[in-house]
PDB file of N, CA and C in Angstrom:
ATOM      1  N   UNK A   1      12.905  31.761 -12.412  1.00  0.00           N
ATOM      2  CA  UNK A   1      12.420  31.688 -11.075  1.00  0.00           C
ATOM      3  C   UNK A   1      11.401  30.633 -10.868  1.00  0.00           C
ATOM      4  N   UNK A   2      10.440  30.591 -11.736  1.00  0.00           N
ATOM      5  CA  UNK A   2       9.382  29.525 -11.642  1.00  0.00           C
ATOM      6  C   UNK A   2       9.965  28.055 -11.676  1.00  0.00           C
ATOM      7  N   UNK A   3      10.968  27.850 -12.505  1.00  0.00           N
ATOM      8  CA  UNK A   3      11.669  26.658 -12.660  1.00  0.00           C
ATOM      9  C   UNK A   3      12.280  26.182 -11.311  1.00  0.00           C
ATOM     10  N   UNK A   4      12.888  27.202 -10.663  1.00  0.00           N
ATOM     11  CA  UNK A   4      13.533  26.934  -9.359  1.00  0.00           C
ATOM     12  C   UNK A   4      12.474  26.515  -8.297  1.00  0.00           C
ATOM     13  N   UNK A   5      11.374  27.008  -8.244  1.00  0.00           N
ATOM     14  CA  UNK A   5      10.291  26.706  -7.263  1.00  0.00           C
ATOM     15  C   UNK A   5       9.822  25.248  -7.574  1.00  0.00           C
ATOM     16  N   UNK A   6       9.661  24.893  -8.791  1.00  0.00           N
ATOM     17  CA  UNK A   6       9.197  23.530  -9.147  1.00  0.00           C
ATOM     18  C   UNK A   6      10.249  22.581  -8.838  1.00  0.00           C
ATOM     19  N   UNK A   7      11.465  22.883  -9.022  1.00  0.00           N
ATOM     20  CA  UNK A   7      12.601  21.989  -8.758  1.00  0.00           C
ATOM     21  C   UNK A   7      12.668  21.752  -7.223  1.00  0.00           C
ATOM     22  N   UNK A   8      12.575  22.816  -6.444  1.00  0.00           N
ATOM     23  CA  UNK A   8      12.473  22.571  -4.941  1.00  0.00           C
ATOM     24  C   UNK A   8      11.361  21.672  -4.495  1.00  0.00           C
ATOM     25  N   UNK A   9      10.198  21.972  -5.151  1.00  0.00           N
ATOM     26  CA  UNK A   9       8.962  21.130  -4.767  1.00  0.00           C
ATOM     27  C   UNK A   9       9.157  19.592  -5.197  1.00  0.00           C
ATOM     28  N   UNK A  10       9.676  19.468  -6.332  1.00  0.00           N
ATOM     29  CA  UNK A  10       9.861  18.156  -6.814  1.00  0.00           C
ATOM     30  C   UNK A  10      11.001  17.401  -5.896  1.00  0.00           C
ATOM     31  N   UNK A  11      12.020  18.060  -5.432  1.00  0.00           N
ATOM     32  CA  UNK A  11      12.975  17.500  -4.551  1.00  0.00           C
ATOM     33  C   UNK A  11      12.415  17.161  -3.235  1.00  0.00           C
ATOM     34  N   UNK A  12      11.482  18.029  -2.673  1.00  0.00           N
ATOM     35  CA  UNK A  12      10.928  17.669  -1.319  1.00  0.00           C
ATOM     36  C   UNK A  12       9.950  16.517  -1.552  1.00  0.00           C
ATOM     37  N   UNK A  13       9.146  16.474  -2.505  1.00  0.00           N
ATOM     38  CA  UNK A  13       8.271  15.363  -2.833  1.00  0.00           C
ATOM     39  C   UNK A  13       9.085  14.100  -2.853  1.00  0.00           C
ATOM     40  N   UNK A  14      10.196  14.039  -3.542  1.00  0.00           N
ATOM     41  CA  UNK A  14      10.976  12.819  -3.718  1.00  0.00           C
ATOM     42  C   UNK A  14      11.581  12.460  -2.282  1.00  0.00           C
ATOM     43  N   UNK A  15      11.939  13.376  -1.521  1.00  0.00           N
ATOM     44  CA  UNK A  15      12.426  13.060  -0.088  1.00  0.00           C
ATOM     45  C   UNK A  15      11.392  12.546   0.858  1.00  0.00           C
ATOM     46  N   UNK A  16      10.039  13.058   0.628  1.00  0.00           N
ATOM     47  CA  UNK A  16       9.126  12.461   1.515  1.00  0.00           C
ATOM     48  C   UNK A  16       8.607  11.066   0.962  1.00  0.00           C
ATOM     49  N   UNK A  17       8.680  10.825  -0.272  1.00  0.00           N
ATOM     50  CA  UNK A  17       8.435   9.457  -0.694  1.00  0.00           C
ATOM     51  C   UNK A  17       9.456   8.487  -0.209  1.00  0.00           C
ATOM     52  N   UNK A  18      10.715   8.779  -0.281  1.00  0.00           N
ATOM     53  CA  UNK A  18      11.850   7.919   0.153  1.00  0.00           C
ATOM     54  C   UNK A  18      11.688   7.698   1.702  1.00  0.00           C
ATOM     55  N   UNK A  19      11.265   8.750   2.559  1.00  0.00           N
ATOM     56  CA  UNK A  19      11.077   8.464   3.859  1.00  0.00           C
ATOM     57  C   UNK A  19       9.948   7.523   4.129  1.00  0.00           C
ATOM     58  N   UNK A  20       8.908   7.550   3.334  1.00  0.00           N
ATOM     59  CA  UNK A  20       7.686   6.739   3.554  1.00  0.00           C
ATOM     60  C   UNK A  20       8.227   5.254   3.215  1.00  0.00           C
ATOM     61  N   UNK A  21       9.233   5.032   2.405  1.00  0.00           N
ATOM     62  CA  UNK A  21       9.684   3.633   2.222  1.00  0.00           C
ATOM     63  C   UNK A  21      10.417   3.071   3.395  1.00  0.00           C
ATOM     64  N   UNK A  22      11.130   3.991   4.125  1.00  0.00           N
ATOM     65  CA  UNK A  22      11.896   3.497   5.263  1.00  0.00           C
ATOM     66  C   UNK A  22      10.902   3.149   6.388  1.00  0.00           C
ATOM     67  N   UNK A  23       9.865   4.002   6.617  1.00  0.00           N
ATOM     68  CA  UNK A  23       8.861   3.726   7.552  1.00  0.00           C
ATOM     69  C   UNK A  23       8.182   2.448   7.435  1.00  0.00           C
ATOM     70  N   UNK A  24       8.071   1.823   6.255  1.00  0.00           N
ATOM     71  CA  UNK A  24       7.365   0.717   5.994  1.00  0.00           C
ATOM     72  C   UNK A  24       8.041  -0.661   6.658  1.00  0.00           C
ATOM     73  N   UNK A  25       9.368  -0.439   6.935  1.00  0.00           N
ATOM     74  CA  UNK A  25      10.167  -1.525   7.440  1.00  0.00           C
ATOM     75  C   UNK A  25      10.011  -1.626   8.975  1.00  0.00           C
ATOM     76  N   UNK A  26       9.126  -0.918   9.584  1.00  0.00           N
ATOM     77  CA  UNK A  26       8.898  -0.976  10.980  1.00  0.00           C
ATOM     78  C   UNK A  26       8.658  -2.552  11.387  1.00  0.00           C
ATOM     79  N   UNK A  27       9.030  -2.804  12.625  1.00  0.00           N
ATOM     80  CA  UNK A  27       8.815  -4.252  13.061  1.00  0.00           C
ATOM     81  C   UNK A  27       7.548  -4.271  13.876  1.00  0.00           C
ATOM     82  N   UNK A  28       6.280  -4.093  13.122  1.00  0.00           N
ATOM     83  CA  UNK A  28       5.072  -4.179  13.848  1.00  0.00           C
ATOM     84  C   UNK A  28       4.079  -4.534  12.920  1.00  0.00           C
ATOM     85  N   UNK A  29       2.905  -5.031  13.479  1.00  0.00           N
ATOM     86  CA  UNK A  29       1.767  -5.426  12.716  1.00  0.00           C
ATOM     87  C   UNK A  29       0.517  -5.336  13.566  1.00  0.00           C
ATOM     88  N   UNK A  30      -0.608  -5.062  12.986  1.00  0.00           N
ATOM     89  CA  UNK A  30      -1.880  -4.946  13.729  1.00  0.00           C
ATOM     90  C   UNK A  30      -2.739  -6.160  13.541  1.00  0.00           C
ATOM     91  N   UNK A  31      -3.491  -6.527  14.645  1.00  0.00           N
ATOM     92  CA  UNK A  31      -4.292  -7.576  14.423  1.00  0.00           C
ATOM     93  C   UNK A  31      -5.599  -7.378  15.455  1.00  0.00           C
ATOM     94  N   UNK A  32      -6.670  -8.224  15.232  1.00  0.00           N
ATOM     95  CA  UNK A  32      -7.867  -8.088  15.993  1.00  0.00           C
ATOM     96  C   UNK A  32      -8.267  -9.414  16.552  1.00  0.00           C
ATOM     97  N   UNK A  33      -8.821  -9.471  17.774  1.00  0.00           N
ATOM     98  CA  UNK A  33      -9.339 -10.711  18.295  1.00  0.00           C
ATOM     99  C   UNK A  33     -10.917 -10.387  18.576  1.00  0.00           C
ATOM    100  N   UNK A  34     -11.758 -11.468  18.142  1.00  0.00           N
ATOM    101  CA  UNK A  34     -13.124 -11.228  18.276  1.00  0.00           C
ATOM    102  C   UNK A  34     -13.573 -12.147  19.577  1.00  0.00           C
ATOM    103  N   UNK A  35     -12.620 -12.788  20.228  1.00  0.00           N
ATOM    104  CA  UNK A  35     -12.941 -13.504  21.433  1.00  0.00           C
ATOM    105  C   UNK A  35     -11.664 -13.580  22.269  1.00  0.00           C
ATOM    106  N   UNK A  36     -11.725 -13.923  23.580  1.00  0.00           N
ATOM    107  CA  UNK A  36     -10.511 -13.934  24.483  1.00  0.00           C
ATOM    108  C   UNK A  36      -9.544 -14.996  23.970  1.00  0.00           C
ATOM    109  N   UNK A  37      -8.215 -14.642  24.034  1.00  0.00           N
ATOM    110  CA  UNK A  37      -7.216 -15.577  23.609  1.00  0.00           C
ATOM    111  C   UNK A  37      -6.062 -15.419  24.527  1.00  0.00           C
ATOM    112  N   UNK A  38      -5.323 -16.494  24.733  1.00  0.00           N
ATOM    113  CA  UNK A  38      -4.105 -16.420  25.525  1.00  0.00           C
ATOM    114  C   UNK A  38      -2.967 -16.144  24.608  1.00  0.00           C
ATOM    115  N   UNK A  39      -2.085 -15.233  25.004  1.00  0.00           N
ATOM    116  CA  UNK A  39      -0.716 -14.968  24.317  1.00  0.00           C
ATOM    117  C   UNK A  39       0.248 -15.046  25.571  1.00  0.00           C
ATOM    118  N   UNK A  40       1.083 -16.080  25.326  1.00  0.00           N
ATOM    119  CA  UNK A  40       2.159 -16.159  26.467  1.00  0.00           C
ATOM    120  C   UNK A  40       1.253 -16.546  27.711  1.00  0.00           C
ATOM    121  N   UNK A  41       1.660 -15.739  28.796  1.00  0.00           N
ATOM    122  CA  UNK A  41       0.908 -15.975  30.049  1.00  0.00           C
ATOM    123  C   UNK A  41      -0.343 -15.044  30.270  1.00  0.00           C
ATOM    124  N   UNK A  42      -0.663 -14.306  29.271  1.00  0.00           N
ATOM    125  CA  UNK A  42      -1.650 -13.279  29.471  1.00  0.00           C
ATOM    126  C   UNK A  42      -2.830 -13.567  28.554  1.00  0.00           C
ATOM    127  N   UNK A  43      -4.074 -13.373  29.131  1.00  0.00           N
ATOM    128  CA  UNK A  43      -5.355 -13.533  28.524  1.00  0.00           C
ATOM    129  C   UNK A  43      -5.714 -12.144  27.892  1.00  0.00           C
ATOM    130  N   UNK A  44      -5.886 -12.173  26.564  1.00  0.00           N
ATOM    131  CA  UNK A  44      -6.188 -10.864  25.807  1.00  0.00           C
ATOM    132  C   UNK A  44      -7.689 -10.901  25.594  1.00  0.00           C
ATOM    133  N   UNK A  45      -8.289  -9.868  25.735  1.00  0.00           N
ATOM    134  CA  UNK A  45      -9.700  -9.637  25.549  1.00  0.00           C
ATOM    135  C   UNK A  45      -9.912  -9.215  24.127  1.00  0.00           C
ATOM    136  N   UNK A  46     -11.196  -9.458  23.695  1.00  0.00           N
ATOM    137  CA  UNK A  46     -11.530  -9.067  22.229  1.00  0.00           C
ATOM    138  C   UNK A  46     -11.128  -7.533  22.065  1.00  0.00           C
ATOM    139  N   UNK A  47     -10.644  -7.222  20.842  1.00  0.00           N
ATOM    140  CA  UNK A  47     -10.139  -5.846  20.522  1.00  0.00           C
ATOM    141  C   UNK A  47      -9.197  -5.881  19.605  1.00  0.00           C
ATOM    142  N   UNK A  48      -8.655  -4.601  19.357  1.00  0.00           N
ATOM    143  CA  UNK A  48      -7.536  -4.244  18.363  1.00  0.00           C
ATOM    144  C   UNK A  48      -6.224  -4.166  19.054  1.00  0.00           C
ATOM    145  N   UNK A  49      -5.214  -4.816  18.561  1.00  0.00           N
ATOM    146  CA  UNK A  49      -3.917  -4.839  19.117  1.00  0.00           C
ATOM    147  C   UNK A  49      -2.789  -4.625  17.983  1.00  0.00           C
ATOM    148  N   UNK A  50      -1.591  -4.167  18.482  1.00  0.00           N
ATOM    149  CA  UNK A  50      -0.512  -4.111  17.618  1.00  0.00           C
ATOM    150  C   UNK A  50       0.625  -4.979  18.280  1.00  0.00           C
ATOM    151  N   UNK A  51       1.274  -5.674  17.475  1.00  0.00           N
ATOM    152  CA  UNK A  51       2.293  -6.530  17.969  1.00  0.00           C
ATOM    153  C   UNK A  51       3.763  -5.819  17.383  1.00  0.00           C
ATOM    154  N   UNK A  52       4.548  -5.588  18.263  1.00  0.00           N
ATOM    155  CA  UNK A  52       5.928  -5.006  17.816  1.00  0.00           C
ATOM    156  C   UNK A  52       6.994  -6.007  18.359  1.00  0.00           C
ATOM    157  N   UNK A  53       8.051  -6.054  17.645  1.00  0.00           N
ATOM    158  CA  UNK A  53       9.178  -7.039  18.006  1.00  0.00           C
ATOM    159  C   UNK A  53      10.560  -6.310  17.617  1.00  0.00           C
ATOM    160  N   UNK A  54      11.522  -6.826  18.399  1.00  0.00           N
ATOM    161  CA  UNK A  54      12.994  -6.377  18.267  1.00  0.00           C
ATOM    162  C   UNK A  54      13.810  -7.260  17.586  1.00  0.00           C
ATOM    163  N   UNK A  55      14.492  -6.977  16.630  1.00  0.00           N
ATOM    164  CA  UNK A  55      15.367  -7.960  15.957  1.00  0.00           C
ATOM    165  C   UNK A  55      14.783  -8.524  14.735  1.00  0.00           C
ATOM    166  N   UNK A  56      15.744  -9.335  13.841  1.00  0.00           N
ATOM    167  CA  UNK A  56      15.258  -9.713  12.669  1.00  0.00           C
ATOM    168  C   UNK A  56      15.020 -11.289  12.675  1.00  0.00           C
ATOM    169  N   UNK A  57      15.106 -11.830  13.816  1.00  0.00           N
ATOM    170  CA  UNK A  57      14.747 -13.249  13.983  1.00  0.00           C
ATOM    171  C   UNK A  57      16.002 -14.207  14.009  1.00  0.00           C
ATOM    172  N   UNK A  58      15.708 -15.461  14.189  1.00  0.00           N
ATOM    173  CA  UNK A  58      14.476 -16.040  14.267  1.00  0.00           C
ATOM    174  C   UNK A  58      13.808 -15.876  15.556  1.00  0.00           C
ATOM    175  N   UNK A  59      14.528 -15.756  16.674  1.00  0.00           N
ATOM    176  CA  UNK A  59      13.921 -15.552  18.005  1.00  0.00           C
ATOM    177  C   UNK A  59      13.759 -14.090  18.370  1.00  0.00           C
ATOM    178  N   UNK A  60      12.687 -13.624  18.606  1.00  0.00           N
ATOM    179  CA  UNK A  60      12.458 -12.223  19.002  1.00  0.00           C
ATOM    180  C   UNK A  60      11.510 -12.053  20.086  1.00  0.00           C
ATOM    181  N   UNK A  61      11.673 -10.885  20.791  1.00  0.00           N
ATOM    182  CA  UNK A  61      10.834 -10.399  21.918  1.00  0.00           C
ATOM    183  C   UNK A  61       9.740  -9.678  21.310  1.00  0.00           C
ATOM    184  N   UNK A  62       8.483  -9.964  21.691  1.00  0.00           N
ATOM    185  CA  UNK A  62       7.190  -9.430  21.128  1.00  0.00           C
ATOM    186  C   UNK A  62       6.487  -8.606  22.235  1.00  0.00           C
ATOM    187  N   UNK A  63       6.253  -7.385  21.909  1.00  0.00           N
ATOM    188  CA  UNK A  63       5.314  -6.607  22.850  1.00  0.00           C
ATOM    189  C   UNK A  63       3.960  -6.558  22.190  1.00  0.00           C
ATOM    190  N   UNK A  64       2.935  -6.857  22.969  1.00  0.00           N
ATOM    191  CA  UNK A  64       1.469  -6.743  22.436  1.00  0.00           C
ATOM    192  C   UNK A  64       0.954  -5.424  23.068  1.00  0.00           C
ATOM    193  N   UNK A  65       0.512  -4.492  22.258  1.00  0.00           N
ATOM    194  CA  UNK A  65       0.058  -3.221  22.812  1.00  0.00           C
ATOM    195  C   UNK A  65      -1.482  -3.101  22.408  1.00  0.00           C
ATOM    196  N   UNK A  66      -2.193  -2.468  23.285  1.00  0.00           N
ATOM    197  CA  UNK A  66      -3.548  -2.125  23.077  1.00  0.00           C
ATOM    198  C   UNK A  66      -3.573  -0.667  23.232  1.00  0.00           C
ATOM    199  N   UNK A  67      -3.669   0.177  22.060  1.00  0.00           N
ATOM    200  CA  UNK A  67      -3.476   1.530  22.120  1.00  0.00           C
ATOM    201  C   UNK A  67      -1.916   1.808  22.193  1.00  0.00           C
ATOM    202  N   UNK A  68      -1.640   2.592  23.311  1.00  0.00           N
ATOM    203  CA  UNK A  68      -0.315   2.804  23.623  1.00  0.00           C
ATOM    204  C   UNK A  68       0.198   2.005  24.840  1.00  0.00           C
ATOM    205  N   UNK A  69      -0.642   1.196  25.401  1.00  0.00           N
ATOM    206  CA  UNK A  69      -0.350   0.431  26.530  1.00  0.00           C
ATOM    207  C   UNK A  69       0.144  -0.955  26.238  1.00  0.00           C
ATOM    208  N   UNK A  70       1.284  -1.343  26.786  1.00  0.00           N
ATOM    209  CA  UNK A  70       1.907  -2.616  26.645  1.00  0.00           C
ATOM    210  C   UNK A  70       1.035  -3.605  27.477  1.00  0.00           C
ATOM    211  N   UNK A  71       0.371  -4.576  26.773  1.00  0.00           N
ATOM    212  CA  UNK A  71      -0.464  -5.625  27.534  1.00  0.00           C
ATOM    213  C   UNK A  71       0.169  -6.788  27.978  1.00  0.00           C
ATOM    214  N   UNK A  72       1.164  -7.164  27.178  1.00  0.00           N
ATOM    215  CA  UNK A  72       2.052  -8.408  27.550  1.00  0.00           C
ATOM    216  C   UNK A  72       3.266  -8.236  26.744  1.00  0.00           C
ATOM    217  N   UNK A  73       4.481  -8.909  27.132  1.00  0.00           N
ATOM    218  CA  UNK A  73       5.625  -9.131  26.486  1.00  0.00           C
ATOM    219  C   UNK A  73       5.873 -10.668  26.397  1.00  0.00           C
ATOM    220  N   UNK A  74       6.341 -11.285  25.332  1.00  0.00           N
ATOM    221  CA  UNK A  74       6.512 -12.603  25.166  1.00  0.00           C
ATOM    222  C   UNK A  74       7.474 -12.986  24.141  1.00  0.00           C
ATOM    223  N   UNK A  75       7.947 -14.255  24.005  1.00  0.00           N
ATOM    224  CA  UNK A  75       8.956 -14.484  22.886  1.00  0.00           C
ATOM    225  C   UNK A  75       8.102 -15.219  21.769  1.00  0.00           C
ATOM    226  N   UNK A  76       8.768 -15.145  20.600  1.00  0.00           N
ATOM    227  CA  UNK A  76       8.174 -15.784  19.430  1.00  0.00           C
ATOM    228  C   UNK A  76       9.226 -16.055  18.432  1.00  0.00           C
ATOM    229  N   UNK A  77       8.956 -16.870  17.405  1.00  0.00           N
ATOM    230  CA  UNK A  77       9.827 -17.057  16.206  1.00  0.00           C
ATOM    231  C   UNK A  77       9.334 -16.236  15.103  1.00  0.00           C
ATOM    232  N   UNK A  78      10.149 -15.373  14.392  1.00  0.00           N
ATOM    233  CA  UNK A  78       9.907 -14.566  13.366  1.00  0.00           C
ATOM    234  C   UNK A  78      10.234 -15.434  11.999  1.00  0.00           C
ATOM    235  N   UNK A  79       9.071 -15.788  11.386  1.00  0.00           N
ATOM    236  CA  UNK A  79       9.221 -16.656  10.169  1.00  0.00           C
ATOM    237  C   UNK A  79       9.127 -15.977   8.961  1.00  0.00           C
ATOM    238  N   UNK A  80      10.097 -16.050   8.110  1.00  0.00           N
ATOM    239  CA  UNK A  80      10.043 -15.422   6.788  1.00  0.00           C
ATOM    240  C   UNK A  80       9.271 -16.190   5.728  1.00  0.00           C
ATOM    241  N   UNK A  81       8.331 -15.660   5.089  1.00  0.00           N
ATOM    242  CA  UNK A  81       7.566 -16.266   4.032  1.00  0.00           C
ATOM    243  C   UNK A  81       8.175 -16.009   2.664  1.00  0.00           C
ATOM    244  N   UNK A  82       7.837 -16.774   1.621  1.00  0.00           N
ATOM    245  CA  UNK A  82       8.335 -16.369   0.308  1.00  0.00           C
ATOM    246  C   UNK A  82       7.614 -15.273  -0.399  1.00  0.00           C
ATOM    247  N   UNK A  83       6.411 -15.020   0.029  1.00  0.00           N
ATOM    248  CA  UNK A  83       5.663 -13.762  -0.517  1.00  0.00           C
ATOM    249  C   UNK A  83       4.918 -13.093   0.457  1.00  0.00           C
ATOM    250  N   UNK A  84       4.617 -11.828   0.281  1.00  0.00           N
ATOM    251  CA  UNK A  84       3.815 -11.144   1.205  1.00  0.00           C
ATOM    252  C   UNK A  84       2.371 -11.901   1.368  1.00  0.00           C
ATOM    253  N   UNK A  85       1.861 -11.789   2.641  1.00  0.00           N
ATOM    254  CA  UNK A  85       0.527 -12.423   2.860  1.00  0.00           C
ATOM    255  C   UNK A  85      -0.495 -11.368   2.338  1.00  0.00           C
ATOM    256  N   UNK A  86      -1.491 -11.891   1.776  1.00  0.00           N
ATOM    257  CA  UNK A  86      -2.613 -10.997   1.203  1.00  0.00           C
ATOM    258  C   UNK A  86      -3.436 -10.306   2.107  1.00  0.00           C
ATOM    259  N   UNK A  87      -3.494 -10.831   3.372  1.00  0.00           N
ATOM    260  CA  UNK A  87      -4.376 -10.247   4.454  1.00  0.00           C
ATOM    261  C   UNK A  87      -3.732 -10.704   5.946  1.00  0.00           C
ATOM    262  N   UNK A  88      -4.088 -10.033   6.809  1.00  0.00           N
ATOM    263  CA  UNK A  88      -3.817 -10.390   8.222  1.00  0.00           C
ATOM    264  C   UNK A  88      -4.630 -11.566   8.667  1.00  0.00           C
ATOM    265  N   UNK A  89      -4.000 -12.368   9.663  1.00  0.00           N
ATOM    266  CA  UNK A  89      -4.761 -13.541  10.149  1.00  0.00           C
ATOM    267  C   UNK A  89      -4.190 -13.799  11.490  1.00  0.00           C
ATOM    268  N   UNK A  90      -5.062 -14.381  12.395  1.00  0.00           N
ATOM    269  CA  UNK A  90      -4.727 -14.823  13.602  1.00  0.00           C
ATOM    270  C   UNK A  90      -4.965 -16.188  13.654  1.00  0.00           C
ATOM    271  N   UNK A  91      -3.959 -17.255  13.814  1.00  0.00           N
ATOM    272  CA  UNK A  91      -4.208 -18.528  13.998  1.00  0.00           C
ATOM    273  C   UNK A  91      -4.377 -18.996  15.504  1.00  0.00           C
ATOM    274  N   UNK A  92      -5.470 -19.580  15.888  1.00  0.00           N
ATOM    275  CA  UNK A  92      -5.740 -20.009  17.214  1.00  0.00           C
ATOM    276  C   UNK A  92      -5.747 -21.423  17.275  1.00  0.00           C
ATOM    277  N   UNK A  93      -5.576 -21.978  18.431  1.00  0.00           N
ATOM    278  CA  UNK A  93      -5.847 -23.394  18.935  1.00  0.00           C
ATOM    279  C   UNK A  93      -6.625 -23.351  20.138  1.00  0.00           C
ATOM    280  N   UNK A  94      -7.289 -24.302  20.512  1.00  0.00           N
ATOM    281  CA  UNK A  94      -8.160 -24.375  21.736  1.00  0.00           C
ATOM    282  C   UNK A  94      -7.831 -25.683  22.454  1.00  0.00           C
ATOM    283  N   UNK A  95      -6.554 -25.763  22.921  1.00  0.00           N
ATOM    284  CA  UNK A  95      -6.090 -26.910  23.619  1.00  0.00           C
ATOM    285  C   UNK A  95      -6.637 -26.692  25.134  1.00  0.00           C
ATOM    286  N   UNK A  96      -7.078 -27.625  25.778  1.00  0.00           N
ATOM    287  CA  UNK A  96      -7.527 -27.615  27.167  1.00  0.00           C
ATOM    288  C   UNK A  96      -8.599 -26.518  27.449  1.00  0.00           C
ATOM    289  N   UNK A  97      -9.501 -26.260  26.318  1.00  0.00           N
ATOM    290  CA  UNK A  97     -10.576 -25.346  26.637  1.00  0.00           C
ATOM    291  C   UNK A  97     -10.253 -23.799  26.424  1.00  0.00           C
ATOM    292  N   UNK A  98      -8.956 -23.505  26.342  1.00  0.00           N
ATOM    293  CA  UNK A  98      -8.604 -21.967  26.254  1.00  0.00           C
ATOM    294  C   UNK A  98      -8.062 -21.763  24.879  1.00  0.00           C
ATOM    295  N   UNK A  99      -8.560 -20.753  24.199  1.00  0.00           N
ATOM    296  CA  UNK A  99      -8.033 -20.380  22.903  1.00  0.00           C
ATOM    297  C   UNK A  99      -6.598 -19.797  23.113  1.00  0.00           C
ATOM    298  N   UNK A 100      -5.666 -20.179  22.264  1.00  0.00           N
ATOM    299  CA  UNK A 100      -4.313 -19.635  22.371  1.00  0.00           C
ATOM    300  C   UNK A 100      -3.989 -19.175  21.047  1.00  0.00           C
ATOM    301  N   UNK A 101      -3.247 -17.977  20.970  1.00  0.00           N
ATOM    302  CA  UNK A 101      -2.710 -17.565  19.671  1.00  0.00           C
ATOM    303  C   UNK A 101      -1.444 -18.358  19.362  1.00  0.00           C
ATOM    304  N   UNK A 102      -1.436 -18.934  18.176  1.00  0.00           N
ATOM    305  CA  UNK A 102      -0.294 -19.672  17.709  1.00  0.00           C
ATOM    306  C   UNK A 102       0.529 -18.924  16.723  1.00  0.00           C
ATOM    307  N   UNK A 103      -0.161 -18.040  15.862  1.00  0.00           N
ATOM    308  CA  UNK A 103       0.599 -17.398  14.788  1.00  0.00           C
ATOM    309  C   UNK A 103      -0.094 -16.096  14.448  1.00  0.00           C
ATOM    310  N   UNK A 104       0.626 -15.162  14.216  1.00  0.00           N
ATOM    311  CA  UNK A 104       0.059 -13.765  13.675  1.00  0.00           C
ATOM    312  C   UNK A 104       0.738 -13.481  12.350  1.00  0.00           C
ATOM    313  N   UNK A 105      -0.193 -13.463  11.314  1.00  0.00           N
ATOM    314  CA  UNK A 105       0.310 -13.102   9.999  1.00  0.00           C
ATOM    315  C   UNK A 105      -0.162 -11.776   9.564  1.00  0.00           C
ATOM    316  N   UNK A 106       0.694 -10.781   9.094  1.00  0.00           N
ATOM    317  CA  UNK A 106       0.231  -9.490   8.816  1.00  0.00           C
ATOM    318  C   UNK A 106       0.227  -9.250   7.279  1.00  0.00           C
ATOM    319  N   UNK A 107      -0.842  -8.527   6.824  1.00  0.00           N
ATOM    320  CA  UNK A 107      -1.121  -8.253   5.440  1.00  0.00           C
ATOM    321  C   UNK A 107       0.056  -7.435   4.897  1.00  0.00           C
ATOM    322  N   UNK A 108       0.380  -7.840   3.571  1.00  0.00           N
ATOM    323  CA  UNK A 108       1.479  -7.193   2.809  1.00  0.00           C
ATOM    324  C   UNK A 108       2.831  -7.259   3.444  1.00  0.00           C
ATOM    325  N   UNK A 109       3.045  -8.273   4.380  1.00  0.00           N
ATOM    326  CA  UNK A 109       4.268  -8.521   4.977  1.00  0.00           C
ATOM    327  C   UNK A 109       4.822  -9.853   4.676  1.00  0.00           C
ATOM    328  N   UNK A 110       5.952 -10.189   4.614  1.00  0.00           N
ATOM    329  CA  UNK A 110       6.534 -11.467   4.414  1.00  0.00           C
ATOM    330  C   UNK A 110       6.921 -12.166   5.749  1.00  0.00           C
ATOM    331  N   UNK A 111       6.694 -11.482   6.898  1.00  0.00           N
ATOM    332  CA  UNK A 111       7.100 -12.063   8.145  1.00  0.00           C
ATOM    333  C   UNK A 111       5.728 -12.447   8.871  1.00  0.00           C
ATOM    334  N   UNK A 112       5.884 -13.672   9.521  1.00  0.00           N
ATOM    335  CA  UNK A 112       4.745 -13.815  10.564  1.00  0.00           C
ATOM    336  C   UNK A 112       5.424 -14.212  11.987  1.00  0.00           C
ATOM    337  N   UNK A 113       4.733 -14.052  12.987  1.00  0.00           N
ATOM    338  CA  UNK A 113       5.108 -14.377  14.437  1.00  0.00           C
ATOM    339  C   UNK A 113       4.510 -15.678  14.785  1.00  0.00           C
ATOM    340  N   UNK A 114       5.354 -16.648  15.174  1.00  0.00           N
ATOM    341  CA  UNK A 114       4.806 -18.009  15.615  1.00  0.00           C
ATOM    342  C   UNK A 114       5.168 -18.040  17.102  1.00  0.00           C
ATOM    343  N   UNK A 115       4.224 -18.201  17.882  1.00  0.00           N
ATOM    344  CA  UNK A 115       4.332 -18.312  19.396  1.00  0.00           C
ATOM    345  C   UNK A 115       4.488 -19.783  19.776  1.00  0.00           C
ATOM    346  N   UNK A 116       5.232 -20.092  20.846  1.00  0.00           N
ATOM    347  CA  UNK A 116       5.472 -21.342  21.354  1.00  0.00           C
ATOM    348  C   UNK A 116       4.249 -21.687  22.214  1.00  0.00           C
ATOM    349  N   UNK A 117       3.664 -22.807  22.035  1.00  0.00           N
ATOM    350  CA  UNK A 117       2.497 -23.162  22.835  1.00  0.00           C
ATOM    351  C   UNK A 117       2.999 -23.688  24.154  1.00  0.00           C
ATOM    352  N   UNK A 118       2.151 -23.529  25.217  1.00  0.00           N
ATOM    353  CA  UNK A 118       2.508 -24.186  26.558  1.00  0.00           C
ATOM    354  C   UNK A 118       2.623 -25.638  26.427  1.00  0.00           C
ATOM    355  N   UNK A 119       1.933 -26.382  25.569  1.00  0.00           N
ATOM    356  CA  UNK A 119       1.971 -27.753  25.458  1.00  0.00           C
ATOM    357  C   UNK A 119       3.505 -28.207  24.897  1.00  0.00           C
ATOM    358  N   UNK A 120       3.807 -27.457  23.822  1.00  0.00           N
ATOM    359  CA  UNK A 120       5.103 -27.842  23.229  1.00  0.00           C
ATOM    360  C   UNK A 120       6.227 -27.472  24.077  1.00  0.00           C
ATOM    361  N   UNK A 121       6.103 -26.252  24.899  1.00  0.00           N
ATOM    362  CA  UNK A 121       7.039 -25.888  25.841  1.00  0.00           C
ATOM    363  C   UNK A 121       7.289 -26.990  26.947  1.00  0.00           C
ATOM    364  N   UNK A 122       6.322 -27.633  27.370  1.00  0.00           N
ATOM    365  CA  UNK A 122       6.480 -28.810  28.218  1.00  0.00           C
ATOM    366  C   UNK A 122       7.208 -29.929  27.868  1.00  0.00           C
ATOM    367  N   UNK A 123       7.154 -30.184  26.533  1.00  0.00           N
ATOM    368  CA  UNK A 123       7.860 -31.444  25.997  1.00  0.00           C
ATOM    369  C   UNK A 123       9.317 -31.296  25.755  1.00  0.00           C
TER     370      UNK A 123
END
């Protein structure tokens, strides 16, 4: 009787661990801004955000959320790296006096999102 209880508990534990592995493949990453920055056509204020995207690339639609609210939707390139990034990073440029988000890299993930800048879109 005791062996049966332990077997059931072990089986449930194995099932929950495997479900956690599937949840890791979510197409999302968190990032923070310490100063205002442009993403697409939207000016984001300092704060914590989540980027979610549809598809596996290279061209993806990205939703930027603050909490549960969608702040903006834009397009980006999903770039695959050789190894997972050790930490999250936001790469900015300040062309024409406005800070613009160029790339989002997410800790422990091999993907990063590269946004088309307004300047390169004009060329």
